[in-house]
């Protein structure tokens, strides 16, 4: 009887914590620093549901991998400003497989964003390169590492992903969460030449994360898009928001919507 009551109590506590975190995230989504253009993509990207699923709270220490122009930083910075910590692991000059001018432009845009509002004053910018030994955060300091919509694994296949996972594992506290949102390759395309498409097999993440020491905890289907065939002239970059291609192709890809994404939660063992 006591065991049953304990389980019920723990469930209620967890449910309350999840509800509270979701409310805090929703408040962060309304922050004045967010751009209107980024807000328009909330329906497609589902940030409140995603961050709640990955157990991000206002007290969390979070590492955001390759934050780009700062879409998620606009949400995470106000959420973590008072009680949490955000490390933004941006492009590094040690990563030679992306054009240097592209990375410099990305870093410059991100730096400009951080200077645009006081809410970003506590964001610590670090670096991440899949094949370089760079600390994305102090060892065992992070509650959550977020890898959202990154395709770094296409540059050197499994080697990049293995190295990245080892870096994420090193930064996480015991019990910490690795949250992955990535373009999912349909199972029937596994035998095709998919490696430059930006899509990746879900099983590859599962296998290599296990090899790195993570436990797979859960998947969520909130970002799956059955309209996405994963067979486009420019891979994932054919679809919104990039929309590579001519005007006819863009209209077709707009009708498909954003890329089919897997949402995977892994955990670093507590002991």
C-alpha atoms as a PDB file:
ATOM      1  CA  UNK A   1       0.000   0.000   0.000  1.00  0.00           C
ATOM      2  CA  UNK A   2       2.785   2.422   0.936  1.00  0.00           C
ATOM      3  CA  UNK A   3       4.624   1.599  -2.278  1.00  0.00           C
ATOM      4  CA  UNK A   4       1.510   2.349  -4.312  1.00  0.00           C
ATOM      5  CA  UNK A   5       0.979   5.654  -2.489  1.00  0.00           C
ATOM      6  CA  UNK A   6       4.607   6.586  -3.093  1.00  0.00           C
ATOM      7  CA  UNK A   7       4.279   5.896  -6.797  1.00  0.00           C
ATOM      8  CA  UNK A   8       1.112   7.988  -6.999  1.00  0.00           C
ATOM      9  CA  UNK A   9       2.804  10.838  -5.108  1.00  0.00           C
ATOM     10  CA  UNK A  10       5.837  10.767  -7.395  1.00  0.00           C
ATOM     11  CA  UNK A  11       3.573  10.748 -10.457  1.00  0.00           C
ATOM     12  CA  UNK A  12       1.613  13.747  -9.162  1.00  0.00           C
ATOM     13  CA  UNK A  13       4.820  15.628  -8.365  1.00  0.00           C
ATOM     14  CA  UNK A  14       6.211  14.926 -11.830  1.00  0.00           C
ATOM     15  CA  UNK A  15       2.939  15.998 -13.456  1.00  0.00           C
ATOM     16  CA  UNK A  16       2.896  19.236 -11.454  1.00  0.00           C
ATOM     17  CA  UNK A  17       6.528  19.964 -12.362  1.00  0.00           C
ATOM     18  CA  UNK A  18       5.798  19.350 -16.047  1.00  0.00           C
ATOM     19  CA  UNK A  19       2.731  21.615 -15.935  1.00  0.00           C
ATOM     20  CA  UNK A  20       4.689  24.376 -14.192  1.00  0.00           C
ATOM     21  CA  UNK A  21       7.596  24.134 -16.642  1.00  0.00           C
ATOM     22  CA  UNK A  22       5.192  24.272 -19.582  1.00  0.00           C
ATOM     23  CA  UNK A  23       3.646  27.461 -18.202  1.00  0.00           C
ATOM     24  CA  UNK A  24       7.096  29.021 -17.765  1.00  0.00           C
ATOM     25  CA  UNK A  25       8.056  28.090 -21.321  1.00  0.00           C
ATOM     26  CA  UNK A  26       4.820  29.566 -22.627  1.00  0.00           C
ATOM     27  CA  UNK A  27       5.638  32.805 -20.807  1.00  0.00           C
ATOM     28  CA  UNK A  28       9.112  32.836 -22.387  1.00  0.00           C
ATOM     29  CA  UNK A  29       7.488  32.440 -25.800  1.00  0.00           C
ATOM     30  CA  UNK A  30       5.734  35.764 -25.247  1.00  0.00           C
ATOM     31  CA  UNK A  31       8.941  37.643 -24.388  1.00  0.00           C
ATOM     32  CA  UNK A  32       9.438  40.977 -26.124  1.00  0.00           C
ATOM     33  CA  UNK A  33      12.878  39.960 -27.452  1.00  0.00           C
ATOM     34  CA  UNK A  34      11.352  37.365 -29.781  1.00  0.00           C
ATOM     35  CA  UNK A  35      10.996  38.424 -33.407  1.00  0.00           C
ATOM     36  CA  UNK A  36       7.627  38.221 -35.123  1.00  0.00           C
ATOM     37  CA  UNK A  37       9.122  36.088 -37.903  1.00  0.00           C
ATOM     38  CA  UNK A  38      10.278  33.498 -35.376  1.00  0.00           C
ATOM     39  CA  UNK A  39       6.954  33.496 -33.563  1.00  0.00           C
ATOM     40  CA  UNK A  40       5.231  32.587 -36.843  1.00  0.00           C
ATOM     41  CA  UNK A  41       7.066  29.254 -36.831  1.00  0.00           C
ATOM     42  CA  UNK A  42       5.893  28.210 -33.368  1.00  0.00           C
ATOM     43  CA  UNK A  43       3.050  26.148 -34.811  1.00  0.00           C
ATOM     44  CA  UNK A  44       5.457  24.108 -36.944  1.00  0.00           C
ATOM     45  CA  UNK A  45       8.301  23.806 -34.413  1.00  0.00           C
ATOM     46  CA  UNK A  46       6.222  23.339 -31.227  1.00  0.00           C
ATOM     47  CA  UNK A  47       8.804  24.791 -28.815  1.00  0.00           C
ATOM     48  CA  UNK A  48       6.628  24.545 -25.693  1.00  0.00           C
ATOM     49  CA  UNK A  49       5.926  20.851 -26.190  1.00  0.00           C
ATOM     50  CA  UNK A  50       9.505  20.127 -27.269  1.00  0.00           C
ATOM     51  CA  UNK A  51      11.218  21.796 -24.309  1.00  0.00           C
ATOM     52  CA  UNK A  52       8.727  20.277 -21.866  1.00  0.00           C
ATOM     53  CA  UNK A  53       9.394  16.826 -23.315  1.00  0.00           C
ATOM     54  CA  UNK A  54      13.141  17.384 -22.844  1.00  0.00           C
ATOM     55  CA  UNK A  55      12.554  18.429 -19.203  1.00  0.00           C
ATOM     56  CA  UNK A  56      13.845  21.991 -19.585  1.00  0.00           C
ATOM     57  CA  UNK A  57      12.838  24.160 -16.599  1.00  0.00           C
ATOM     58  CA  UNK A  58      13.756  27.704 -15.504  1.00  0.00           C
ATOM     59  CA  UNK A  59      16.351  26.141 -13.167  1.00  0.00           C
ATOM     60  CA  UNK A  60      18.076  24.086 -15.870  1.00  0.00           C
ATOM     61  CA  UNK A  61      21.599  24.426 -17.171  1.00  0.00           C
ATOM     62  CA  UNK A  62      21.185  23.969 -20.920  1.00  0.00           C
ATOM     63  CA  UNK A  63      23.664  23.603 -23.773  1.00  0.00           C
ATOM     64  CA  UNK A  64      22.266  24.572 -27.172  1.00  0.00           C
ATOM     65  CA  UNK A  65      24.275  22.998 -29.996  1.00  0.00           C
ATOM     66  CA  UNK A  66      24.834  25.191 -33.057  1.00  0.00           C
ATOM     67  CA  UNK A  67      22.151  27.769 -32.238  1.00  0.00           C
ATOM     68  CA  UNK A  68      22.376  29.341 -35.708  1.00  0.00           C
ATOM     69  CA  UNK A  69      20.712  32.744 -35.745  1.00  0.00           C
ATOM     70  CA  UNK A  70      19.147  32.081 -32.355  1.00  0.00           C
ATOM     71  CA  UNK A  71      15.618  30.797 -32.939  1.00  0.00           C
ATOM     72  CA  UNK A  72      15.626  28.679 -29.793  1.00  0.00           C
ATOM     73  CA  UNK A  73      17.904  31.101 -27.932  1.00  0.00           C
ATOM     74  CA  UNK A  74      15.044  33.608 -28.089  1.00  0.00           C
ATOM     75  CA  UNK A  75      13.022  31.169 -25.985  1.00  0.00           C
ATOM     76  CA  UNK A  76      15.745  29.689 -23.789  1.00  0.00           C
ATOM     77  CA  UNK A  77      17.398  32.959 -22.746  1.00  0.00           C
ATOM     78  CA  UNK A  78      14.304  34.473 -21.073  1.00  0.00           C
ATOM     79  CA  UNK A  79      13.318  31.098 -19.644  1.00  0.00           C
ATOM     80  CA  UNK A  80      16.727  30.585 -17.980  1.00  0.00           C
ATOM     81  CA  UNK A  81      17.609  34.226 -17.277  1.00  0.00           C
ATOM     82  CA  UNK A  82      16.886  34.268 -13.542  1.00  0.00           C
ATOM     83  CA  UNK A  83      17.572  30.783 -12.187  1.00  0.00           C
ATOM     84  CA  UNK A  84      19.169  28.773 -14.988  1.00  0.00           C
ATOM     85  CA  UNK A  85      22.133  28.898 -17.351  1.00  0.00           C
ATOM     86  CA  UNK A  86      22.452  28.782 -21.127  1.00  0.00           C
ATOM     87  CA  UNK A  87      25.596  27.763 -23.007  1.00  0.00           C
ATOM     88  CA  UNK A  88      25.391  28.404 -26.747  1.00  0.00           C
ATOM     89  CA  UNK A  89      27.867  26.099 -28.492  1.00  0.00           C
ATOM     90  CA  UNK A  90      28.251  27.865 -31.832  1.00  0.00           C
ATOM     91  CA  UNK A  91      30.422  27.264 -34.918  1.00  0.00           C
ATOM     92  CA  UNK A  92      34.155  26.811 -34.430  1.00  0.00           C
ATOM     93  CA  UNK A  93      37.025  27.670 -36.775  1.00  0.00           C
ATOM     94  CA  UNK A  94      38.283  24.141 -36.010  1.00  0.00           C
ATOM     95  CA  UNK A  95      35.461  22.771 -38.135  1.00  0.00           C
ATOM     96  CA  UNK A  96      36.733  22.916 -41.705  1.00  0.00           C
ATOM     97  CA  UNK A  97      33.878  21.138 -43.496  1.00  0.00           C
ATOM     98  CA  UNK A  98      31.643  24.219 -43.575  1.00  0.00           C
ATOM     99  CA  UNK A  99      32.706  27.356 -45.496  1.00  0.00           C
ATOM    100  CA  UNK A 100      34.554  29.771 -43.212  1.00  0.00           C
ATOM    101  CA  UNK A 101      32.551  32.775 -44.425  1.00  0.00           C
ATOM    102  CA  UNK A 102      29.274  30.959 -43.696  1.00  0.00           C
ATOM    103  CA  UNK A 103      30.356  30.215 -40.127  1.00  0.00           C
ATOM    104  CA  UNK A 104      31.697  33.734 -39.586  1.00  0.00           C
ATOM    105  CA  UNK A 105      28.437  35.229 -40.815  1.00  0.00           C
ATOM    106  CA  UNK A 106      26.464  32.930 -38.526  1.00  0.00           C
ATOM    107  CA  UNK A 107      28.565  33.837 -35.512  1.00  0.00           C
ATOM    108  CA  UNK A 108      28.316  37.560 -36.320  1.00  0.00           C
ATOM    109  CA  UNK A 109      24.509  37.421 -36.613  1.00  0.00           C
ATOM    110  CA  UNK A 110      24.299  35.549 -33.330  1.00  0.00           C
ATOM    111  CA  UNK A 111      26.584  38.030 -31.568  1.00  0.00           C
ATOM    112  CA  UNK A 112      24.414  40.864 -32.863  1.00  0.00           C
ATOM    113  CA  UNK A 113      21.313  39.161 -31.469  1.00  0.00           C
ATOM    114  CA  UNK A 114      22.901  38.721 -28.047  1.00  0.00           C
ATOM    115  CA  UNK A 115      23.685  42.442 -27.983  1.00  0.00           C
ATOM    116  CA  UNK A 116      20.134  43.382 -28.941  1.00  0.00           C
ATOM    117  CA  UNK A 117      18.445  42.891 -25.561  1.00  0.00           C
ATOM    118  CA  UNK A 118      19.464  42.613 -21.887  1.00  0.00           C
ATOM    119  CA  UNK A 119      17.745  39.221 -21.601  1.00  0.00           C
ATOM    120  CA  UNK A 120      20.747  37.682 -23.385  1.00  0.00           C
ATOM    121  CA  UNK A 121      23.361  39.041 -20.980  1.00  0.00           C
ATOM    122  CA  UNK A 122      23.844  35.715 -19.188  1.00  0.00           C
ATOM    123  CA  UNK A 123      24.234  33.584 -22.319  1.00  0.00           C
ATOM    124  CA  UNK A 124      27.725  32.073 -22.465  1.00  0.00           C
ATOM    125  CA  UNK A 125      28.953  31.410 -26.003  1.00  0.00           C
ATOM    126  CA  UNK A 126      31.160  28.340 -26.407  1.00  0.00           C
ATOM    127  CA  UNK A 127      32.025  26.360 -29.537  1.00  0.00           C
ATOM    128  CA  UNK A 128      31.209  23.002 -31.041  1.00  0.00           C
ATOM    129  CA  UNK A 129      32.936  21.127 -33.846  1.00  0.00           C
ATOM    130  CA  UNK A 130      31.949  17.490 -34.366  1.00  0.00           C
ATOM    131  CA  UNK A 131      35.524  16.269 -34.803  1.00  0.00           C
ATOM    132  CA  UNK A 132      37.396  18.578 -32.419  1.00  0.00           C
ATOM    133  CA  UNK A 133      37.991  18.263 -28.693  1.00  0.00           C
ATOM    134  CA  UNK A 134      36.287  21.467 -27.579  1.00  0.00           C
ATOM    135  CA  UNK A 135      34.353  21.669 -24.318  1.00  0.00           C
ATOM    136  CA  UNK A 136      30.811  22.833 -25.039  1.00  0.00           C
ATOM    137  CA  UNK A 137      30.328  23.422 -21.290  1.00  0.00           C
ATOM    138  CA  UNK A 138      32.155  22.520 -18.069  1.00  0.00           C
ATOM    139  CA  UNK A 139      32.277  18.754 -17.472  1.00  0.00           C
ATOM    140  CA  UNK A 140      29.137  17.252 -15.903  1.00  0.00           C
ATOM    141  CA  UNK A 141      27.507  20.695 -15.603  1.00  0.00           C
ATOM    142  CA  UNK A 142      24.493  20.471 -17.914  1.00  0.00           C
ATOM    143  CA  UNK A 143      21.008  19.249 -17.116  1.00  0.00           C
ATOM    144  CA  UNK A 144      20.064  19.226 -20.801  1.00  0.00           C
ATOM    145  CA  UNK A 145      21.970  19.232 -24.090  1.00  0.00           C
ATOM    146  CA  UNK A 146      19.809  20.209 -27.070  1.00  0.00           C
ATOM    147  CA  UNK A 147      20.704  19.222 -30.623  1.00  0.00           C
ATOM    148  CA  UNK A 148      17.850  20.633 -32.666  1.00  0.00           C
ATOM    149  CA  UNK A 149      17.718  20.529 -36.455  1.00  0.00           C
ATOM    150  CA  UNK A 150      21.452  20.011 -36.831  1.00  0.00           C
ATOM    151  CA  UNK A 151      22.940  18.027 -39.720  1.00  0.00           C
ATOM    152  CA  UNK A 152      26.553  17.898 -38.577  1.00  0.00           C
ATOM    153  CA  UNK A 153      26.567  14.112 -39.005  1.00  0.00           C
ATOM    154  CA  UNK A 154      26.377  14.416 -42.805  1.00  0.00           C
ATOM    155  CA  UNK A 155      29.928  15.769 -43.015  1.00  0.00           C
ATOM    156  CA  UNK A 156      31.795  12.687 -41.871  1.00  0.00           C
ATOM    157  CA  UNK A 157      29.073  10.122 -41.288  1.00  0.00           C
ATOM    158  CA  UNK A 158      29.147   8.024 -38.163  1.00  0.00           C
ATOM    159  CA  UNK A 159      32.500   9.450 -37.067  1.00  0.00           C
ATOM    160  CA  UNK A 160      31.006  12.927 -36.604  1.00  0.00           C
ATOM    161  CA  UNK A 161      28.006  11.621 -34.715  1.00  0.00           C
ATOM    162  CA  UNK A 162      30.115   9.402 -32.444  1.00  0.00           C
ATOM    163  CA  UNK A 163      32.420  12.272 -31.548  1.00  0.00           C
ATOM    164  CA  UNK A 164      29.490  14.627 -30.958  1.00  0.00           C
ATOM    165  CA  UNK A 165      27.747  12.153 -28.668  1.00  0.00           C
ATOM    166  CA  UNK A 166      30.902  11.713 -26.605  1.00  0.00           C
ATOM    167  CA  UNK A 167      31.110  15.504 -26.217  1.00  0.00           C
ATOM    168  CA  UNK A 168      27.447  15.734 -25.175  1.00  0.00           C
ATOM    169  CA  UNK A 169      27.880  12.893 -22.673  1.00  0.00           C
ATOM    170  CA  UNK A 170      30.901  14.611 -21.119  1.00  0.00           C
ATOM    171  CA  UNK A 171      28.998  17.888 -20.619  1.00  0.00           C
ATOM    172  CA  UNK A 172      25.921  16.317 -19.012  1.00  0.00           C
ATOM    173  CA  UNK A 173      25.409  15.669 -15.328  1.00  0.00           C
ATOM    174  CA  UNK A 174      24.554  12.091 -14.325  1.00  0.00           C
ATOM    175  CA  UNK A 175      20.843  11.836 -15.038  1.00  0.00           C
ATOM    176  CA  UNK A 176      21.002  14.638 -17.602  1.00  0.00           C
ATOM    177  CA  UNK A 177      18.960  14.633 -20.811  1.00  0.00           C
ATOM    178  CA  UNK A 178      20.122  14.729 -24.416  1.00  0.00           C
ATOM    179  CA  UNK A 179      17.292  16.078 -26.549  1.00  0.00           C
ATOM    180  CA  UNK A 180      17.487  15.423 -30.288  1.00  0.00           C
ATOM    181  CA  UNK A 181      15.302  16.862 -33.032  1.00  0.00           C
ATOM    182  CA  UNK A 182      16.521  15.749 -36.448  1.00  0.00           C
ATOM    183  CA  UNK A 183      15.208  15.035 -39.948  1.00  0.00           C
ATOM    184  CA  UNK A 184      14.081  11.397 -40.025  1.00  0.00           C
ATOM    185  CA  UNK A 185      14.874   9.217 -43.009  1.00  0.00           C
ATOM    186  CA  UNK A 186      11.954   6.879 -43.832  1.00  0.00           C
ATOM    187  CA  UNK A 187      12.834   3.228 -43.345  1.00  0.00           C
ATOM    188  CA  UNK A 188      12.151   2.353 -46.992  1.00  0.00           C
ATOM    189  CA  UNK A 189      14.961   4.727 -48.076  1.00  0.00           C
ATOM    190  CA  UNK A 190      17.679   3.109 -45.990  1.00  0.00           C
ATOM    191  CA  UNK A 191      19.254   1.517 -49.060  1.00  0.00           C
ATOM    192  CA  UNK A 192      19.373   4.773 -51.027  1.00  0.00           C
ATOM    193  CA  UNK A 193      22.193   7.328 -51.161  1.00  0.00           C
ATOM    194  CA  UNK A 194      20.753   9.516 -48.392  1.00  0.00           C
ATOM    195  CA  UNK A 195      23.930  10.779 -46.727  1.00  0.00           C
ATOM    196  CA  UNK A 196      23.973  14.254 -48.279  1.00  0.00           C
ATOM    197  CA  UNK A 197      20.221  14.786 -47.927  1.00  0.00           C
ATOM    198  CA  UNK A 198      20.227  16.003 -44.317  1.00  0.00           C
ATOM    199  CA  UNK A 199      17.977  13.115 -43.315  1.00  0.00           C
ATOM    200  CA  UNK A 200      19.294  10.353 -41.069  1.00  0.00           C
ATOM    201  CA  UNK A 201      17.955   6.953 -39.953  1.00  0.00           C
ATOM    202  CA  UNK A 202      16.487   7.002 -36.466  1.00  0.00           C
ATOM    203  CA  UNK A 203      18.193   3.705 -35.719  1.00  0.00           C
ATOM    204  CA  UNK A 204      21.602   5.297 -36.302  1.00  0.00           C
ATOM    205  CA  UNK A 205      20.948   7.762 -33.480  1.00  0.00           C
ATOM    206  CA  UNK A 206      19.661   4.970 -31.250  1.00  0.00           C
ATOM    207  CA  UNK A 207      22.634   2.689 -31.898  1.00  0.00           C
ATOM    208  CA  UNK A 208      25.373   5.306 -31.554  1.00  0.00           C
ATOM    209  CA  UNK A 209      23.817   6.963 -28.507  1.00  0.00           C
ATOM    210  CA  UNK A 210      23.726   3.579 -26.781  1.00  0.00           C
ATOM    211  CA  UNK A 211      27.343   2.997 -27.765  1.00  0.00           C
ATOM    212  CA  UNK A 212      28.222   6.394 -26.217  1.00  0.00           C
ATOM    213  CA  UNK A 213      26.681   5.330 -22.902  1.00  0.00           C
ATOM    214  CA  UNK A 214      23.232   6.915 -23.144  1.00  0.00           C
ATOM    215  CA  UNK A 215      19.973   5.210 -22.299  1.00  0.00           C
ATOM    216  CA  UNK A 216      17.153   5.766 -24.772  1.00  0.00           C
ATOM    217  CA  UNK A 217      14.151   7.015 -22.843  1.00  0.00           C
ATOM    218  CA  UNK A 218      11.379   8.092 -25.197  1.00  0.00           C
ATOM    219  CA  UNK A 219      10.370   9.342 -28.622  1.00  0.00           C
ATOM    220  CA  UNK A 220       7.652  11.812 -29.463  1.00  0.00           C
ATOM    221  CA  UNK A 221       5.802  12.036 -32.780  1.00  0.00           C
ATOM    222  CA  UNK A 222       4.826  15.707 -32.456  1.00  0.00           C
ATOM    223  CA  UNK A 223       7.032  16.844 -35.383  1.00  0.00           C
ATOM    224  CA  UNK A 224       6.415  14.007 -37.815  1.00  0.00           C
ATOM    225  CA  UNK A 225       5.154  15.171 -41.211  1.00  0.00           C
ATOM    226  CA  UNK A 226       3.763  12.336 -43.368  1.00  0.00           C
ATOM    227  CA  UNK A 227       3.678  14.652 -46.398  1.00  0.00           C
ATOM    228  CA  UNK A 228       7.472  14.770 -46.435  1.00  0.00           C
ATOM    229  CA  UNK A 229       8.763  12.003 -48.733  1.00  0.00           C
ATOM    230  CA  UNK A 230      12.427  12.856 -47.949  1.00  0.00           C
ATOM    231  CA  UNK A 231      13.074  12.793 -51.699  1.00  0.00           C
ATOM    232  CA  UNK A 232      13.706  16.393 -52.767  1.00  0.00           C
ATOM    233  CA  UNK A 233      16.270  17.948 -55.138  1.00  0.00           C
ATOM    234  CA  UNK A 234      18.084  19.769 -52.320  1.00  0.00           C
ATOM    235  CA  UNK A 235      17.250  17.384 -49.498  1.00  0.00           C
ATOM    236  CA  UNK A 236      15.901  18.936 -46.287  1.00  0.00           C
ATOM    237  CA  UNK A 237      16.860  22.377 -47.601  1.00  0.00           C
ATOM    238  CA  UNK A 238      14.126  22.124 -50.241  1.00  0.00           C
ATOM    239  CA  UNK A 239      11.480  22.505 -47.539  1.00  0.00           C
ATOM    240  CA  UNK A 240      10.559  25.551 -45.402  1.00  0.00           C
ATOM    241  CA  UNK A 241      12.083  27.718 -44.154  1.00  0.00           C
ATOM    242  CA  UNK A 242      15.043  27.421 -46.571  1.00  0.00           C
ATOM    243  CA  UNK A 243      13.005  26.645 -49.715  1.00  0.00           C
ATOM    244  CA  UNK A 244      15.789  25.934 -52.178  1.00  0.00           C
ATOM    245  CA  UNK A 245      14.756  25.710 -55.838  1.00  0.00           C
ATOM    246  CA  UNK A 246      12.728  27.657 -58.407  1.00  0.00           C
ATOM    247  CA  UNK A 247       9.335  29.258 -57.783  1.00  0.00           C
ATOM    248  CA  UNK A 248       7.371  26.182 -58.908  1.00  0.00           C
ATOM    249  CA  UNK A 249       9.376  23.946 -56.611  1.00  0.00           C
ATOM    250  CA  UNK A 250       9.017  26.389 -53.727  1.00  0.00           C
ATOM    251  CA  UNK A 251       5.222  26.382 -54.050  1.00  0.00           C
ATOM    252  CA  UNK A 252       5.226  22.577 -54.025  1.00  0.00           C
ATOM    253  CA  UNK A 253       7.487  22.424 -50.989  1.00  0.00           C
ATOM    254  CA  UNK A 254       5.499  25.046 -49.096  1.00  0.00           C
ATOM    255  CA  UNK A 255       2.466  22.794 -49.486  1.00  0.00           C
ATOM    256  CA  UNK A 256       4.430  19.923 -47.932  1.00  0.00           C
ATOM    257  CA  UNK A 257       5.442  21.996 -44.913  1.00  0.00           C
ATOM    258  CA  UNK A 258       8.467  21.657 -42.657  1.00  0.00           C
ATOM    259  CA  UNK A 259      10.672  18.589 -42.669  1.00  0.00           C
ATOM    260  CA  UNK A 260       9.656  15.306 -41.040  1.00  0.00           C
ATOM    261  CA  UNK A 261      11.456  15.349 -37.675  1.00  0.00           C
ATOM    262  CA  UNK A 262      12.146  12.682 -35.089  1.00  0.00           C
ATOM    263  CA  UNK A 263      12.137  13.810 -31.455  1.00  0.00           C
ATOM    264  CA  UNK A 264      14.281  11.561 -29.267  1.00  0.00           C
ATOM    265  CA  UNK A 265      15.108  11.772 -25.557  1.00  0.00           C
ATOM    266  CA  UNK A 266      18.228  10.099 -24.175  1.00  0.00           C
ATOM    267  CA  UNK A 267      19.546  10.109 -20.622  1.00  0.00           C
ATOM    268  CA  UNK A 268      23.019   9.859 -19.140  1.00  0.00           C
ATOM    269  CA  UNK A 269      22.857   7.157 -16.452  1.00  0.00           C
ATOM    270  CA  UNK A 270      22.676   8.453 -12.893  1.00  0.00           C
ATOM    271  CA  UNK A 271      25.442   6.122 -11.741  1.00  0.00           C
END
